[in-house]
C-alpha atoms as a PDB file:
ATOM      1  CA  SER A   1     146.981 128.695 101.960  1.00  0.00           C
ATOM      2  CA  LEU A   2     145.965 125.075 102.782  1.00  0.00           C
ATOM      3  CA  LYS A   3     143.429 126.213 105.376  1.00  0.00           C
ATOM      4  CA  ALA A   4     141.812 128.505 102.876  1.00  0.00           C
ATOM      5  CA  GLN A   5     141.600 125.617 100.347  1.00  0.00           C
ATOM      6  CA  ILE A   6     140.149 123.248 102.873  1.00  0.00           C
ATOM      7  CA  ASP A   7     137.555 125.972 103.925  1.00  0.00           C
ATOM      8  CA  GLN A   8     136.621 126.474 100.303  1.00  0.00           C
ATOM      9  CA  THR A   9     136.344 122.748  99.682  1.00  0.00           C
ATOM     10  CA  LYS A  10     134.114 122.412 102.826  1.00  0.00           C
ATOM     11  CA  ASN A  11     131.892 125.431 101.670  1.00  0.00           C
ATOM     12  CA  ASP A  12     131.611 123.958  98.211  1.00  0.00           C
ATOM     13  CA  LEU A  13     130.522 120.511  99.730  1.00  0.00           C
ATOM     14  CA  LEU A  14     128.072 122.186 102.063  1.00  0.00           C
ATOM     15  CA  GLN A  15     126.563 124.079  99.107  1.00  0.00           C
ATOM     16  CA  GLU A  16     126.401 120.957  97.173  1.00  0.00           C
ATOM     17  CA  ILE A  17     124.561 119.057 100.022  1.00  0.00           C
ATOM     18  CA  ARG A  18     122.074 121.920 100.283  1.00  0.00           C
ATOM     19  CA  GLU A  19     121.358 121.728  96.470  1.00  0.00           C
ATOM     20  CA  LYS A  20     120.925 117.981  96.613  1.00  0.00           C
ATOM     21  CA  ASP A  21     118.740 118.273  99.677  1.00  0.00           C
ATOM     22  CA  LEU A  22     116.669 120.891  97.902  1.00  0.00           C
ATOM     23  CA  ALA A  23     116.388 118.787  94.736  1.00  0.00           C
ATOM     24  CA  LEU A  24     115.327 115.799  96.925  1.00  0.00           C
ATOM     25  CA  ARG A  25     112.710 117.746  98.679  1.00  0.00           C
ATOM     26  CA  GLU A  26     111.328 119.051  95.287  1.00  0.00           C
ATOM     27  CA  LEU A  27     111.223 115.416  93.961  1.00  0.00           C
ATOM     28  CA  GLU A  28     109.386 114.311  97.156  1.00  0.00           C
ATOM     29  CA  LEU A  29     106.838 117.113  96.725  1.00  0.00           C
ATOM     30  CA  THR A  30     106.313 116.163  92.967  1.00  0.00           C
ATOM     31  CA  HIS A  31     105.823 112.544  94.216  1.00  0.00           C
ATOM     32  CA  GLN A  32     103.208 113.716  96.766  1.00  0.00           C
ATOM     33  CA  HIS A  33     101.544 115.962  94.253  1.00  0.00           C
ATOM     34  CA  PHE A  34     101.321 113.165  91.700  1.00  0.00           C
ATOM     35  CA  LEU A  35      99.871 110.774  94.286  1.00  0.00           C
ATOM     36  CA  SER A  36      97.297 113.330  95.352  1.00  0.00           C
ATOM     37  CA  GLU A  37      96.345 113.931  91.806  1.00  0.00           C
ATOM     38  CA  LYS A  38      95.908 110.300  90.923  1.00  0.00           C
ATOM     39  CA  ASN A  39      93.983 109.559  94.121  1.00  0.00           C
ATOM     40  CA  ALA A  40      91.622 112.368  93.224  1.00  0.00           C
ATOM     41  CA  GLU A  41      91.190 110.911  89.714  1.00  0.00           C
ATOM     42  CA  ILE A  42      90.503 107.499  91.169  1.00  0.00           C
ATOM     43  CA  PHE A  43      87.965 108.886  93.676  1.00  0.00           C
ATOM     44  CA  LYS A  44      86.267 110.768  90.717  1.00  0.00           C
ATOM     45  CA  LEU A  45      86.156 107.575  88.689  1.00  0.00           C
ATOM     46  CA  LYS A  46      84.670 105.557  91.568  1.00  0.00           C
ATOM     47  CA  GLU A  47      82.072 108.401  92.059  1.00  0.00           C
ATOM     48  CA  ASN A  48      81.120 108.187  88.402  1.00  0.00           C
ATOM     49  CA  THR A  49      80.703 104.465  88.564  1.00  0.00           C
ATOM     50  CA  GLU A  50      78.492 104.747  91.563  1.00  0.00           C
ATOM     51  CA  ARG A  51      76.301 107.388  89.684  1.00  0.00           C
ATOM     52  CA  MET A  52      76.077 105.154  86.739  1.00  0.00           C
ATOM     53  CA  GLU A  53      74.987 102.212  88.863  1.00  0.00           C
ATOM     54  CA  LEU A  54      72.319 104.365  90.489  1.00  0.00           C
ATOM     55  CA  ALA A  55      71.139 105.679  87.228  1.00  0.00           C
ATOM     56  CA  PHE A  56      70.953 102.142  85.770  1.00  0.00           C
ATOM     57  CA  ASN A  57      69.009 100.801  88.838  1.00  0.00           C
ATOM     58  CA  LYS A  58      66.597 103.781  88.602  1.00  0.00           C
ATOM     59  CA  ASN A  59      66.151 103.143  84.805  1.00  0.00           C
ATOM     60  CA  LEU A  60      65.815  99.414  85.388  1.00  0.00           C
ATOM     61  CA  ALA A  61      63.091  99.896  87.971  1.00  0.00           C
ATOM     62  CA  GLU A  62      61.228 102.395  85.677  1.00  0.00           C
ATOM     63  CA  CYS A  63      61.330  99.723  82.848  1.00  0.00           C
ATOM     64  CA  LYS A  64      60.092  97.078  85.134  1.00  0.00           C
ATOM     65  CA  ARG A  65      57.245  99.256  86.249  1.00  0.00           C
ATOM     66  CA  GLN A  66      56.470  99.962  82.499  1.00  0.00           C
ATOM     67  CA  GLY A  67      56.754  96.347  81.572  1.00  0.00           C
ATOM     68  CA  ASP A  68      59.254  97.624  79.019  1.00  0.00           C
ATOM     69  CA  ASP A  69      60.975  95.091  76.709  1.00  0.00           C
ATOM     70  CA  ALA A  70      64.126  97.326  76.779  1.00  0.00           C
ATOM     71  CA  VAL A  71      65.208  95.889  80.139  1.00  0.00           C
ATOM     72  CA  ASN A  72      67.716  93.527  78.586  1.00  0.00           C
ATOM     73  CA  SER A  73      68.976  96.127  76.225  1.00  0.00           C
ATOM     74  CA  GLN A  74      69.557  98.480  79.064  1.00  0.00           C
ATOM     75  CA  LYS A  75      71.209  95.834  81.218  1.00  0.00           C
ATOM     76  CA  GLU A  76      73.558  94.897  78.370  1.00  0.00           C
ATOM     77  CA  GLU A  77      74.382  98.545  77.678  1.00  0.00           C
ATOM     78  CA  TYR A  78      75.109  99.108  81.364  1.00  0.00           C
ATOM     79  CA  GLU A  79      77.182  95.984  81.712  1.00  0.00           C
ATOM     80  CA  SER A  80      79.295  96.973  78.750  1.00  0.00           C
ATOM     81  CA  LYS A  81      79.946 100.541  80.066  1.00  0.00           C
ATOM     82  CA  LEU A  82      80.697  99.112  83.503  1.00  0.00           C
ATOM     83  CA  SER A  83      83.103  96.617  81.812  1.00  0.00           C
ATOM     84  CA  ASP A  84      84.855  99.540  79.999  1.00  0.00           C
ATOM     85  CA  ILE A  85      85.119 101.551  83.260  1.00  0.00           C
ATOM     86  CA  LYS A  86      86.441  98.668  85.323  1.00  0.00           C
ATOM     87  CA  TYR A  87      89.053  98.069  82.605  1.00  0.00           C
ATOM     88  CA  PHE A  88      90.018 101.649  82.480  1.00  0.00           C
ATOM     89  CA  TYR A  89      90.259 101.769  86.229  1.00  0.00           C
ATOM     90  CA  GLU A  90      92.523  98.661  86.235  1.00  0.00           C
ATOM     91  CA  GLN A  91      94.598 100.190  83.538  1.00  0.00           C
ATOM     92  CA  GLU A  92      94.993 103.371  85.447  1.00  0.00           C
ATOM     93  CA  GLN A  93      95.932 101.489  88.635  1.00  0.00           C
ATOM     94  CA  LEU A  94      98.627  99.615  86.760  1.00  0.00           C
ATOM     95  CA  SER A  95      99.953 102.955  85.277  1.00  0.00           C
ATOM     96  CA  LEU A  96      99.902 104.549  88.700  1.00  0.00           C
ATOM     97  CA  LYS A  97     101.693 101.720  90.389  1.00  0.00           C
ATOM     98  CA  SER A  98     104.458 101.798  87.615  1.00  0.00           C
ATOM     99  CA  LYS A  99     104.752 105.659  88.011  1.00  0.00           C
ATOM    100  CA  ILE A 100     104.905 105.374  91.775  1.00  0.00           C
ATOM    101  CA  ARG A 101     107.657 102.568  91.478  1.00  0.00           C
ATOM    102  CA  ARG A 102     109.666 104.812  89.221  1.00  0.00           C
ATOM    103  CA  LEU A 103     109.320 107.815  91.415  1.00  0.00           C
ATOM    104  CA  GLU A 104     110.169 105.679  94.526  1.00  0.00           C
ATOM    105  CA  GLU A 105     113.262 104.442  92.672  1.00  0.00           C
ATOM    106  CA  GLU A 106     114.243 108.113  91.914  1.00  0.00           C
ATOM    107  CA  LEU A 107     113.854 109.083  95.459  1.00  0.00           C
ATOM    108  CA  VAL A 108     116.040 106.095  96.689  1.00  0.00           C
ATOM    109  CA  LEU A 109     118.615 107.077  94.092  1.00  0.00           C
ATOM    110  CA  ALA A 110     118.547 110.618  95.069  1.00  0.00           C
ATOM    111  CA  LYS A 111     119.018 109.946  98.640  1.00  0.00           C
ATOM    112  CA  GLU A 112     122.111 107.730  98.008  1.00  0.00           C
ATOM    113  CA  PRO A 113     125.310 109.459  99.034  1.00  0.00           C
ATOM    114  CA  GLY A 114     127.572 110.456  96.062  1.00  0.00           C
ATOM    115  CA  ASN A 115     124.835 110.571  93.507  1.00  0.00           C
ATOM    116  CA  ASP A 116     125.018 113.549  91.228  1.00  0.00           C
END
């Protein structure tokens, strides 16, 4: 009967909506998890940079106390390492921004009605 067909179509559409809603929530959770992981990585990177700076300052102070000629060598080594870390950090930020943009685009597309 027509009513049975309409009811079946309605039920099918409701099921499809539930499935899409579930997929959207899974995508949002993946996005949140990704952001949490990357924020933790950035925090760890900052922490390591601070540790390196402290270690360098301690070594520099020790070298000055000893009148060591290695101060310039230590300084150059530190500046090189710091430059590498800053470059890595900037590249990581660019990568994260790109991934976040892609995930946000996926979220927008997933939220649009009629998207399969």
